[in-house]
Amino acid sequence: MTENNAAPTPDSLDNLSYEEAREQLVAVVGRLEAGGASLEESLALWERGEALAKRCEDWLEGARQRLATAREANNDGGAAAGSH
């Protein structure tokens, strides 16, 4: 699992699904909680975790926006149908 130690590149994170990013974040947190890593490794893990957390937040925000758009479209459609 050395990939989790590597500094994240925008491309590597952009291609992750929400589930993949969340699973990697859980793994990073587990490694940090287990301790035993050098300061350098801990910092790299922390940075990776921060990037993964941001990726998850971006996915969730996108889902919130899609839900809001769908609700607005549904409400607009319902109002238009009721006025005819």
Protein backbone atom coordinates (compact mmCIF):
# COMPACT_ATOMS: atom_id res chain seq x y z
CA MET A 1 0.00 0.00 0.00
CA THR A 2 2.85 2.36 -0.78
CA GLU A 3 0.59 4.32 -3.12
CA ASN A 4 -1.01 5.96 -0.06
CA ASN A 5 2.38 7.38 0.90
CA ALA A 6 2.86 9.09 -2.43
CA ALA A 7 1.96 12.73 -2.73
CA PRO A 8 -1.38 12.95 -4.47
CA THR A 9 -1.48 14.37 -7.93
CA PRO A 10 -4.60 16.13 -9.16
CA ASP A 11 -5.07 13.46 -11.84
CA SER A 12 -4.85 10.58 -9.38
CA LEU A 13 -7.52 12.12 -7.16
CA ASP A 14 -9.77 13.36 -9.97
CA ASN A 15 -10.17 9.81 -11.24
CA LEU A 16 -11.26 8.40 -7.87
CA SER A 17 -14.90 7.66 -7.23
CA TYR A 18 -16.36 8.76 -3.91
CA GLU A 19 -16.15 5.20 -2.60
CA GLU A 20 -12.51 4.79 -3.66
CA ALA A 21 -11.51 8.09 -2.08
CA ARG A 22 -13.37 7.24 1.13
CA GLU A 23 -11.76 3.79 1.34
CA GLN A 24 -8.30 5.27 0.85
CA LEU A 25 -9.05 7.94 3.45
CA VAL A 26 -10.10 5.28 5.97
CA ALA A 27 -6.85 3.41 5.27
CA VAL A 28 -4.77 6.58 5.75
CA VAL A 29 -6.51 7.38 9.04
CA GLY A 30 -5.95 3.81 10.21
CA ARG A 31 -2.25 4.02 9.47
CA LEU A 32 -1.95 7.36 11.25
CA GLU A 33 -3.85 6.06 14.28
CA ALA A 34 -1.69 2.93 14.42
CA GLY A 35 1.39 5.09 14.90
CA GLY A 36 4.91 3.93 14.28
CA ALA A 37 5.41 6.00 11.14
CA SER A 38 8.27 8.45 10.87
CA LEU A 39 7.51 12.15 10.99
CA GLU A 40 8.11 12.41 7.24
CA GLU A 41 5.80 9.48 6.51
CA SER A 42 3.15 10.82 8.91
CA LEU A 43 3.20 14.19 7.17
CA ALA A 44 2.86 12.54 3.76
CA LEU A 45 -0.06 10.46 5.06
CA TRP A 46 -1.68 13.55 6.56
CA GLU A 47 -1.36 15.45 3.26
CA ARG A 48 -2.80 12.49 1.37
CA GLY A 49 -5.66 12.30 3.86
CA GLU A 50 -6.41 16.00 3.47
CA ALA A 51 -6.50 15.66 -0.31
CA LEU A 52 -8.74 12.59 -0.09
CA ALA A 53 -11.09 14.34 2.34
CA LYS A 54 -11.36 17.27 -0.07
CA ARG A 55 -12.14 14.86 -2.92
CA CYS A 56 -14.93 13.31 -0.85
CA GLU A 57 -16.30 16.77 0.01
CA ASP A 58 -16.24 17.74 -3.68
CA TRP A 59 -18.21 14.60 -4.56
CA LEU A 60 -20.75 15.28 -1.82
CA GLU A 61 -21.15 18.91 -2.85
CA GLY A 62 -21.75 17.82 -6.43
CA ALA A 63 -24.42 15.40 -5.22
CA ARG A 64 -26.07 18.16 -3.17
CA GLN A 65 -26.14 20.42 -6.21
CA ARG A 66 -27.64 17.70 -8.42
CA LEU A 67 -30.31 17.03 -5.78
CA ALA A 68 -31.16 20.72 -5.53
CA THR A 69 -31.40 20.99 -9.32
CA ALA A 70 -33.63 17.91 -9.49
CA ARG A 71 -35.89 19.26 -6.74
CA GLU A 72 -36.18 22.64 -8.48
CA ALA A 73 -37.02 20.95 -11.78
CA ASN A 74 -39.59 18.78 -10.03
CA ASN A 75 -41.16 21.77 -8.28
CA ASP A 76 -41.22 23.82 -11.49
CA GLY A 77 -42.78 20.92 -13.37
CA GLY A 78 -45.41 20.42 -10.69
CA ALA A 79 -46.35 24.09 -10.63
CA ALA A 80 -46.55 24.25 -14.40
CA ALA A 81 -48.70 21.11 -14.57
CA GLY A 82 -51.06 22.46 -11.91
CA SER A 83 -51.61 25.74 -13.73
CA HIS A 84 -52.90 24.13 -16.96
